[in-house]
């Protein structure tokens, strides 16, 4: 089988899995288009994340395992853009918080300049330390005063600054503007990536991995503990959506009549309509990013990045600034992950910082890239769709296997109890097994780089 036919077969095979989930009520398939479209929406987001990681690893060989930090920043952008501003929050302490943050930044920048301007010696060291300590206490005094004022405003419902209210209260007015949060999420992630890259990209690959993971955990810790920013672990619910609400569609006589003409009840029709709207929007974003990634890959810049990946020493000898190019690709890949994070929060309609786990946002995305084909953008996208389908469907598969293998045993038999307990961990077993099989029989992925 030629490579072209093989790739076409893989695409058709993965597409058939989602079609069977919606069209067939057999074995582990539910026969529900609602389930299939929901799974497809998350698969599109996973494919976009895999595309971002593939830019960093497949193009430049950067080992970034802090994906969840950039995804979380994308989710934060959705809150900051689309949620309404908390009444009285800025006057109660918002401006004070802003002043405290500026004071902290000025303290750090001034300390850096002191280290550059003052003559070397113990005096410079002690003066810098003293200035940092005084600046820290001044920052905390101003910042904490503002935080206390903001968090005291109706903490059961708000207790945070809120956002720009670009989502509005009614989709028909300007709810579609919540889409603006997606590129803003990319910008937030890109800004964090610039700071991380300037700090850590000079490290060796294993140290870079540790640094990115640690910084991602810091980002998540800040989001969990700073209630004034996005309510922390209290979560932000009811985020505006760029598609109509199901209840609004069900109350629309024209939509109800249209649904009846297709033989659908209003509830089912409104659910499918909303989920299809998300699928269309996410597909448009994926196609745009994939087209841009392919243009970059086939450009002189893309060939230079692969040359740096394959032999940094030779590329540097040819006059290429390896660190600067690494910073570029690191920012671009992180921005794509931030966009995907904003899309996912919009789809969930809530921001839940405790849900940003390394298993879901780092390990799973890396499996998508490795299985699909590192260095191949289409392979990364294919891996995103395949691995997400497995991640969702192996849970009912594990339960089915447990039921089949223990059907002849008593309810309290040790083997039946053991198999029922093991079914809950079937996801992790399957991911590891798929990864091992691909690395053994197709070490460059299902769609290897040309």
Protein backbone atom coordinates (compact mmCIF):
# COMPACT_ATOMS: atom_id res chain seq x y z
CA UNK A 1 0.00 0.00 0.00
CA UNK A 2 1.42 3.35 -1.02
CA UNK A 3 1.72 6.16 1.49
CA UNK A 4 -1.11 8.12 -0.15
CA UNK A 5 -3.54 5.21 0.01
CA UNK A 6 -2.48 4.45 3.56
CA UNK A 7 -3.12 8.02 4.69
CA UNK A 8 -6.50 8.06 2.94
CA UNK A 9 -7.44 4.79 4.62
CA UNK A 10 -6.46 6.16 8.04
CA UNK A 11 -8.56 9.30 7.54
CA UNK A 12 -11.59 7.28 6.42
CA UNK A 13 -11.15 4.84 9.29
CA UNK A 14 -11.07 7.57 11.95
CA UNK A 15 -14.02 9.37 10.33
CA UNK A 16 -16.02 6.13 10.34
CA UNK A 17 -15.52 5.80 14.11
CA UNK A 18 -17.37 9.07 14.73
CA UNK A 19 -20.05 8.21 12.17
CA UNK A 20 -20.65 4.81 13.78
CA UNK A 21 -21.00 6.47 17.19
CA UNK A 22 -23.89 8.53 15.85
CA UNK A 23 -25.50 6.07 13.44
CA UNK A 24 -25.08 2.63 15.08
CA UNK A 25 -26.46 1.33 18.37
CA UNK A 26 -24.20 -1.72 18.50
CA UNK A 27 -21.47 -2.96 20.83
CA UNK A 28 -19.87 0.10 22.46
CA UNK A 29 -21.48 2.60 20.06
CA UNK A 30 -24.37 4.60 21.49
CA UNK A 31 -26.21 5.40 18.27
CA UNK A 32 -26.56 9.01 19.40
CA UNK A 33 -25.61 11.91 17.15
CA UNK A 34 -25.65 14.11 20.24
CA UNK A 35 -22.84 12.01 21.74
CA UNK A 36 -20.97 11.87 18.43
CA UNK A 37 -21.06 15.65 17.91
CA UNK A 38 -19.99 16.33 21.50
CA UNK A 39 -17.08 13.91 21.10
CA UNK A 40 -16.19 15.51 17.76
CA UNK A 41 -16.13 19.00 19.34
CA UNK A 42 -13.59 17.95 21.96
CA UNK A 43 -11.62 16.03 19.34
CA UNK A 44 -11.31 19.20 17.25
CA UNK A 45 -9.97 21.05 20.29
CA UNK A 46 -7.55 18.20 21.01
CA UNK A 47 -6.36 18.27 17.40
CA UNK A 48 -5.64 22.00 17.70
CA UNK A 49 -3.63 21.42 20.89
CA UNK A 50 -1.73 18.61 19.17
CA UNK A 51 -0.99 20.97 16.28
CA UNK A 52 0.51 23.49 18.71
CA UNK A 53 2.69 20.88 20.42
CA UNK A 54 3.74 19.52 17.02
CA UNK A 55 5.01 22.97 16.05
CA UNK A 56 7.27 22.98 19.10
CA UNK A 57 8.41 19.35 19.03
CA UNK A 58 8.00 18.35 15.38
CA UNK A 59 9.44 21.58 13.94
CA UNK A 60 12.03 22.51 16.55
CA UNK A 61 12.50 19.58 18.94
CA UNK A 62 11.40 21.58 22.01
CA UNK A 63 10.17 19.28 24.78
CA UNK A 64 7.34 21.27 26.40
CA UNK A 65 5.36 19.41 29.06
CA UNK A 66 3.70 22.51 30.47
CA UNK A 67 0.81 22.42 28.00
CA UNK A 68 -1.87 22.70 30.69
CA UNK A 69 -0.55 26.09 31.82
CA UNK A 70 -1.10 27.63 28.39
CA UNK A 71 -4.49 25.90 28.07
CA UNK A 72 -5.50 27.36 31.44
CA UNK A 73 -4.50 30.87 30.34
CA UNK A 74 -6.76 30.46 27.33
CA UNK A 75 -9.61 29.55 29.65
CA UNK A 76 -8.88 32.58 31.80
CA UNK A 77 -9.08 34.81 28.72
CA UNK A 78 -12.64 33.60 28.10
CA UNK A 79 -13.68 34.83 31.55
CA UNK A 80 -11.86 38.14 31.21
CA UNK A 81 -13.43 38.89 27.83
CA UNK A 82 -16.97 37.53 27.97
CA UNK A 83 -18.16 37.72 31.59
CA UNK A 84 -19.83 40.91 32.89
CA UNK A 85 -17.91 43.23 35.17
CA UNK A 86 -18.78 42.79 38.84
CA UNK A 87 -20.62 45.99 39.93
CA UNK A 88 -18.47 48.07 42.25
CA UNK A 89 -15.46 45.74 42.05
CA UNK A 90 -13.09 48.20 40.41
CA UNK A 91 -13.95 51.03 42.79
CA UNK A 92 -13.74 48.68 45.80
CA UNK A 93 -10.25 47.45 45.03
CA UNK A 94 -9.67 46.81 41.34
CA UNK A 95 -7.57 49.89 40.76
CA UNK A 96 -5.66 49.20 43.97
CA UNK A 97 -4.83 45.68 42.72
CA UNK A 98 -3.62 47.17 39.45
CA UNK A 99 -1.44 49.66 41.33
CA UNK A 100 -0.02 46.82 43.44
CA UNK A 101 0.87 44.80 40.36
CA UNK A 102 2.54 47.81 38.77
CA UNK A 103 4.46 48.42 41.99
CA UNK A 104 5.67 44.83 42.01
CA UNK A 105 6.79 45.02 38.38
CA UNK A 106 8.60 48.32 38.99
CA UNK A 107 10.37 46.77 41.98
CA UNK A 108 11.69 43.87 39.92
CA UNK A 109 12.75 46.05 36.98
CA UNK A 110 14.49 48.54 39.28
CA UNK A 111 16.35 45.71 41.04
CA UNK A 112 17.60 44.45 37.67
CA UNK A 113 18.87 47.91 36.73
CA UNK A 114 20.54 48.25 40.14
CA UNK A 115 22.49 45.06 39.44
CA UNK A 116 23.61 46.53 36.12
CA UNK A 117 24.40 50.10 37.19
CA UNK A 118 25.92 49.77 40.64
CA UNK A 119 29.57 48.70 40.89
CA UNK A 120 30.17 45.08 41.82
CA UNK A 121 30.66 44.28 45.46
CA UNK A 122 28.90 43.53 48.70
CA UNK A 123 27.31 46.97 48.79
CA UNK A 124 25.46 46.31 45.51
CA UNK A 125 24.23 42.94 46.79
CA UNK A 126 22.95 44.28 50.10
CA UNK A 127 21.32 47.33 48.52
CA UNK A 128 19.53 45.15 45.94
CA UNK A 129 18.30 42.71 48.59
CA UNK A 130 17.12 45.54 50.83
CA UNK A 131 15.29 47.19 47.95
CA UNK A 132 13.59 43.91 46.97
CA UNK A 133 12.47 43.24 50.54
CA UNK A 134 11.04 46.74 50.96
CA UNK A 135 9.41 46.58 47.53
CA UNK A 136 7.87 43.21 48.35
CA UNK A 137 6.25 44.44 51.56
CA UNK A 138 5.02 47.60 49.82
CA UNK A 139 3.58 45.49 46.99
CA UNK A 140 1.82 43.11 49.40
CA UNK A 141 0.38 45.97 51.44
CA UNK A 142 -1.20 47.63 48.40
CA UNK A 143 -2.15 44.42 46.59
CA UNK A 144 -3.73 42.65 49.60
CA UNK A 145 -5.81 45.70 50.46
CA UNK A 146 -7.29 45.73 46.97
CA UNK A 147 -7.86 41.95 46.94
CA UNK A 148 -9.76 42.11 50.23
CA UNK A 149 -12.06 44.79 48.82
CA UNK A 150 -12.85 42.88 45.62
CA UNK A 151 -13.36 39.48 47.24
CA UNK A 152 -15.75 40.95 49.82
CA UNK A 153 -18.32 41.81 47.13
CA UNK A 154 -20.97 39.06 47.21
CA UNK A 155 -18.45 36.18 47.43
CA UNK A 156 -21.20 33.55 47.05
CA UNK A 157 -21.95 34.71 43.49
CA UNK A 158 -19.06 36.91 42.35
CA UNK A 159 -16.17 38.05 44.57
CA UNK A 160 -13.99 38.80 41.54
CA UNK A 161 -13.42 41.62 39.08
CA UNK A 162 -15.34 40.06 36.19
CA UNK A 163 -14.68 40.69 32.53
CA UNK A 164 -15.41 43.03 29.64
CA UNK A 165 -18.94 41.68 29.07
CA UNK A 166 -18.37 41.18 25.36
CA UNK A 167 -20.60 38.13 25.49
CA UNK A 168 -23.66 40.21 26.34
CA UNK A 169 -26.85 38.83 27.84
CA UNK A 170 -28.51 37.79 24.60
CA UNK A 171 -26.93 35.76 21.79
CA UNK A 172 -28.97 37.63 19.18
CA UNK A 173 -27.47 40.93 20.30
CA UNK A 174 -23.72 40.30 20.31
CA UNK A 175 -23.08 36.94 21.97
CA UNK A 176 -20.99 35.91 18.97
CA UNK A 177 -18.32 38.35 20.20
CA UNK A 178 -17.25 35.69 22.72
CA UNK A 179 -15.19 34.33 19.84
CA UNK A 180 -12.87 37.30 20.44
CA UNK A 181 -11.78 35.49 23.62
CA UNK A 182 -10.13 32.77 21.53
CA UNK A 183 -7.37 34.93 19.97
CA UNK A 184 -7.07 36.79 23.29
CA UNK A 185 -6.37 33.42 24.92
CA UNK A 186 -3.67 32.88 22.33
CA UNK A 187 -2.15 36.28 23.15
CA UNK A 188 -2.12 35.54 26.90
CA UNK A 189 -0.45 32.18 26.29
CA UNK A 190 2.03 33.79 23.89
CA UNK A 191 2.96 36.42 26.51
CA UNK A 192 3.56 33.73 29.12
CA UNK A 193 5.56 31.73 26.57
CA UNK A 194 7.77 34.74 25.88
CA UNK A 195 8.57 35.08 29.60
CA UNK A 196 9.19 31.34 29.97
CA UNK A 197 11.21 31.19 26.77
CA UNK A 198 13.48 34.09 27.73
CA UNK A 199 14.13 32.29 31.01
CA UNK A 200 14.31 28.60 30.12
CA UNK A 201 15.05 28.11 26.41
CA UNK A 202 18.78 28.20 27.03
CA UNK A 203 18.46 25.07 29.17
CA UNK A 204 19.08 21.53 28.01
CA UNK A 205 15.99 19.65 26.80
CA UNK A 206 15.39 17.70 30.02
CA UNK A 207 15.75 20.85 32.15
CA UNK A 208 13.44 22.71 29.76
CA UNK A 209 10.79 20.02 30.29
CA UNK A 210 11.07 20.35 34.08
CA UNK A 211 10.95 24.16 33.87
CA UNK A 212 7.84 24.22 31.65
CA UNK A 213 6.04 21.74 33.89
CA UNK A 214 6.91 23.75 37.01
CA UNK A 215 5.78 27.04 35.48
CA UNK A 216 2.53 25.44 34.31
CA UNK A 217 1.87 24.31 37.88
CA UNK A 218 2.55 27.86 39.09
CA UNK A 219 -0.02 29.22 36.63
CA UNK A 220 -2.62 26.71 37.82
CA UNK A 221 -1.82 27.47 41.48
CA UNK A 222 -2.35 31.20 40.88
CA UNK A 223 -5.70 30.56 39.19
CA UNK A 224 -6.79 28.32 42.07
CA UNK A 225 -5.83 30.70 44.87
CA UNK A 226 -6.43 34.22 43.52
CA UNK A 227 -10.19 34.53 43.86
CA UNK A 228 -10.19 38.15 42.68
CA UNK A 229 -8.99 37.01 39.25
CA UNK A 230 -11.50 34.27 38.32
CA UNK A 231 -13.07 33.08 41.61
CA UNK A 232 -10.38 30.44 42.15
CA UNK A 233 -11.75 27.00 43.02
CA UNK A 234 -15.27 28.47 43.32
CA UNK A 235 -15.34 28.33 39.49
CA UNK A 236 -16.98 30.71 37.03
CA UNK A 237 -20.21 29.31 35.59
CA UNK A 238 -22.61 30.45 32.90
CA UNK A 239 -20.06 31.75 30.42
CA UNK A 240 -21.70 33.29 27.32
CA UNK A 241 -21.65 31.19 24.16
CA UNK A 242 -21.19 32.04 20.47
CA UNK A 243 -24.14 29.76 19.55
CA UNK A 244 -27.80 29.97 20.63
CA UNK A 245 -29.00 28.43 23.88
CA UNK A 246 -31.18 25.35 23.50
CA UNK A 247 -34.03 26.87 25.49
CA UNK A 248 -34.12 29.90 23.17
CA UNK A 249 -34.37 27.63 20.14
CA UNK A 250 -37.14 25.59 21.76
CA UNK A 251 -39.15 28.78 22.33
CA UNK A 252 -38.71 29.90 18.72
CA UNK A 253 -41.84 28.89 16.72
CA UNK A 254 -39.94 28.99 13.43
CA UNK A 255 -37.27 26.61 14.72
CA UNK A 256 -39.87 24.25 16.21
CA UNK A 257 -41.72 24.14 12.90
CA UNK A 258 -38.47 23.50 11.00
CA UNK A 259 -37.52 20.69 13.41
CA UNK A 260 -40.94 19.07 13.00
CA UNK A 261 -40.51 19.04 9.22
CA UNK A 262 -37.44 16.83 9.74
CA UNK A 263 -39.26 14.59 12.21
CA UNK A 264 -37.36 15.85 15.26
CA UNK A 265 -38.72 17.00 18.59
CA UNK A 266 -37.65 20.52 19.68
CA UNK A 267 -35.35 19.30 22.48
CA UNK A 268 -33.37 16.93 20.26
CA UNK A 269 -33.25 19.40 17.37
CA UNK A 270 -32.02 22.27 19.55
CA UNK A 271 -29.29 20.10 21.09
CA UNK A 272 -28.05 18.91 17.71
CA UNK A 273 -28.22 22.43 16.26
CA UNK A 274 -26.12 23.89 19.08
CA UNK A 275 -23.50 21.12 18.97
CA UNK A 276 -23.28 21.35 15.18
CA UNK A 277 -22.68 25.09 15.55
CA UNK A 278 -19.69 24.40 17.79
CA UNK A 279 -18.37 21.76 15.38
CA UNK A 280 -18.54 24.21 12.46
CA UNK A 281 -16.79 26.99 14.40
CA UNK A 282 -14.05 24.69 15.70
CA UNK A 283 -13.54 23.19 12.24
CA UNK A 284 -13.03 26.65 10.76
CA UNK A 285 -10.40 27.45 13.41
CA UNK A 286 -8.63 24.11 12.85
CA UNK A 287 -8.57 24.53 9.07
CA UNK A 288 -7.15 28.07 9.35
CA UNK A 289 -4.42 27.01 11.81
CA UNK A 290 -3.59 23.91 9.79
CA UNK A 291 -3.29 25.96 6.60
CA UNK A 292 -1.00 28.46 8.34
CA UNK A 293 1.10 25.66 9.85
CA UNK A 294 1.51 24.03 6.45
CA UNK A 295 2.53 27.33 4.86
CA UNK A 296 5.08 27.80 7.63
CA UNK A 297 6.38 24.25 7.27
CA UNK A 298 6.96 24.57 3.53
CA UNK A 299 8.50 28.05 3.75
CA UNK A 300 12.22 28.85 4.08
CA UNK A 301 11.53 29.55 7.74
CA UNK A 302 10.10 26.05 8.19
CA UNK A 303 13.06 24.43 6.47
CA UNK A 304 15.39 26.44 8.69
CA UNK A 305 13.51 25.26 11.82
CA UNK A 306 13.86 21.63 10.78
CA UNK A 307 17.54 22.16 10.07
CA UNK A 308 17.98 23.58 13.57
CA UNK A 309 16.03 20.63 15.00
CA UNK A 310 18.20 18.08 13.22
CA UNK A 311 21.58 19.70 13.96
CA UNK A 312 21.75 22.84 16.09
CA UNK A 313 25.53 23.05 15.86
CA UNK A 314 25.56 23.02 12.06
CA UNK A 315 22.72 25.54 11.86
CA UNK A 316 24.48 27.86 14.28
CA UNK A 317 27.68 27.54 12.25
CA UNK A 318 25.68 28.74 9.23
CA UNK A 319 24.81 31.95 11.11
CA UNK A 320 21.35 31.03 12.42
CA UNK A 321 20.29 32.41 15.80
CA UNK A 322 19.10 29.15 17.33
CA UNK A 323 17.81 30.63 20.60
CA UNK A 324 15.78 33.33 18.85
CA UNK A 325 14.22 30.80 16.47
CA UNK A 326 13.39 28.49 19.37
CA UNK A 327 11.68 31.40 21.11
CA UNK A 328 9.60 32.10 17.99
CA UNK A 329 8.34 28.55 17.63
CA UNK A 330 7.77 28.19 21.37
CA UNK A 331 5.55 31.29 21.37
CA UNK A 332 3.61 30.17 18.29
CA UNK A 333 2.93 26.67 19.62
CA UNK A 334 1.90 27.99 23.04
CA UNK A 335 -0.43 30.54 21.44
CA UNK A 336 -2.22 27.74 19.58
CA UNK A 337 -2.64 25.83 22.86
CA UNK A 338 -4.04 29.01 24.42
CA UNK A 339 -6.59 29.35 21.60
CA UNK A 340 -7.65 25.73 22.13
CA UNK A 341 -7.97 26.33 25.88
CA UNK A 342 -10.27 29.32 25.30
CA UNK A 343 -12.38 27.27 22.89
CA UNK A 344 -12.72 24.44 25.41
CA UNK A 345 -13.81 26.79 28.21
CA UNK A 346 -16.39 28.32 25.88
CA UNK A 347 -17.68 24.85 25.05
CA UNK A 348 -17.89 23.88 28.74
CA UNK A 349 -19.50 27.25 29.63
CA UNK A 350 -17.47 27.27 32.84
CA UNK A 351 -13.91 27.77 34.09
CA UNK A 352 -12.82 25.05 36.52
CA UNK A 353 -9.13 25.41 37.49
CA UNK A 354 -9.08 22.03 39.27
CA UNK A 355 -9.81 20.27 35.96
CA UNK A 356 -6.46 21.29 34.46
CA UNK A 357 -4.64 18.02 35.11
CA UNK A 358 -1.34 16.95 33.49
CA UNK A 359 -2.89 13.61 32.49
CA UNK A 360 -5.45 15.29 30.26
CA UNK A 361 -3.63 18.35 28.99
CA UNK A 362 -0.06 17.08 28.70
CA UNK A 363 0.19 13.32 28.50
CA UNK A 364 -2.86 12.91 26.26
CA UNK A 365 -1.78 15.66 23.85
CA UNK A 366 1.71 14.19 23.60
CA UNK A 367 0.22 10.77 22.82
CA UNK A 368 -1.80 12.42 20.02
CA UNK A 369 1.35 13.91 18.49
CA UNK A 370 3.48 10.76 18.81
CA UNK A 371 0.79 8.39 17.53
CA UNK A 372 -0.27 10.70 14.69
CA UNK A 373 3.24 11.45 13.50
CA UNK A 374 5.64 14.00 14.94
CA UNK A 375 6.69 16.59 12.38
CA UNK A 376 3.59 16.06 10.22
CA UNK A 377 0.78 18.55 10.84
CA UNK A 378 -1.83 16.28 9.30
CA UNK A 379 -0.53 13.41 11.40
CA UNK A 380 -0.90 15.45 14.59
CA UNK A 381 -4.50 16.29 13.66
CA UNK A 382 -5.25 12.65 12.85
CA UNK A 383 -3.75 11.60 16.17
CA UNK A 384 -5.95 14.15 17.92
CA UNK A 385 -9.13 12.64 16.49
CA UNK A 386 -8.08 9.02 17.02
CA UNK A 387 -6.75 9.33 20.56
CA UNK A 388 -9.70 11.39 21.75
CA UNK A 389 -12.11 8.75 20.38
CA UNK A 390 -10.17 6.08 22.24
CA UNK A 391 -10.06 8.18 25.41
CA UNK A 392 -13.86 8.44 25.43
CA UNK A 393 -14.81 5.01 24.11
CA UNK A 394 -12.44 2.69 25.96
CA UNK A 395 -14.38 3.28 29.19
CA UNK A 396 -17.53 1.51 27.91
CA UNK A 397 -15.25 -0.99 26.18
CA UNK A 398 -13.61 -1.80 29.52
CA UNK A 399 -17.01 -2.28 31.12
CA UNK A 400 -18.08 -4.54 28.25
CA UNK A 401 -14.95 -6.67 28.61
CA UNK A 402 -15.52 -6.93 32.37
CA UNK A 403 -19.12 -8.06 31.82
CA UNK A 404 -18.20 -10.63 29.16
CA UNK A 405 -15.27 -12.19 31.03
CA UNK A 406 -17.15 -12.43 34.36
CA UNK A 407 -20.65 -13.38 33.13
CA UNK A 408 -20.38 -16.92 34.57
CA UNK A 409 -19.06 -15.88 37.99
CA UNK A 410 -20.94 -15.05 41.17
CA UNK A 411 -21.43 -11.42 42.14
CA UNK A 412 -19.01 -11.72 45.07
CA UNK A 413 -16.36 -13.77 43.19
CA UNK A 414 -12.86 -12.31 43.49
CA UNK A 415 -12.25 -12.37 39.72
CA UNK A 416 -15.46 -10.47 38.98
CA UNK A 417 -14.71 -7.88 41.65
CA UNK A 418 -11.16 -7.49 40.32
CA UNK A 419 -12.28 -7.06 36.70
CA UNK A 420 -14.94 -4.50 37.64
CA UNK A 421 -12.33 -2.49 39.54
CA UNK A 422 -9.84 -2.76 36.65
CA UNK A 423 -12.41 -1.44 34.15
CA UNK A 424 -12.08 2.02 35.70
CA UNK A 425 -8.37 2.08 34.76
CA UNK A 426 -8.85 0.76 31.23
CA UNK A 427 -8.24 4.22 29.76
CA UNK A 428 -4.69 4.42 31.06
CA UNK A 429 -3.96 0.84 29.98
CA UNK A 430 -5.27 1.50 26.47
CA UNK A 431 -3.30 4.73 26.03
CA UNK A 432 -0.10 2.98 27.08
CA UNK A 433 -0.82 -0.01 24.86
CA UNK A 434 -1.57 2.13 21.79
CA UNK A 435 1.60 4.15 22.37
CA UNK A 436 3.74 1.01 22.69
CA UNK A 437 2.24 -0.60 19.57
CA UNK A 438 2.76 2.52 17.46
CA UNK A 439 6.33 2.97 18.69
CA UNK A 440 7.04 -0.70 17.94
CA UNK A 441 5.47 -1.06 14.49
CA UNK A 442 5.39 2.56 13.26
CA UNK A 443 7.97 4.49 15.31
CA UNK A 444 7.52 7.67 13.26
CA UNK A 445 3.73 7.68 13.75
CA UNK A 446 0.76 6.71 11.64
CA UNK A 447 1.43 9.62 9.26
CA UNK A 448 5.20 10.04 9.40
CA UNK A 449 6.98 13.23 8.41
CA UNK A 450 8.08 13.24 4.79
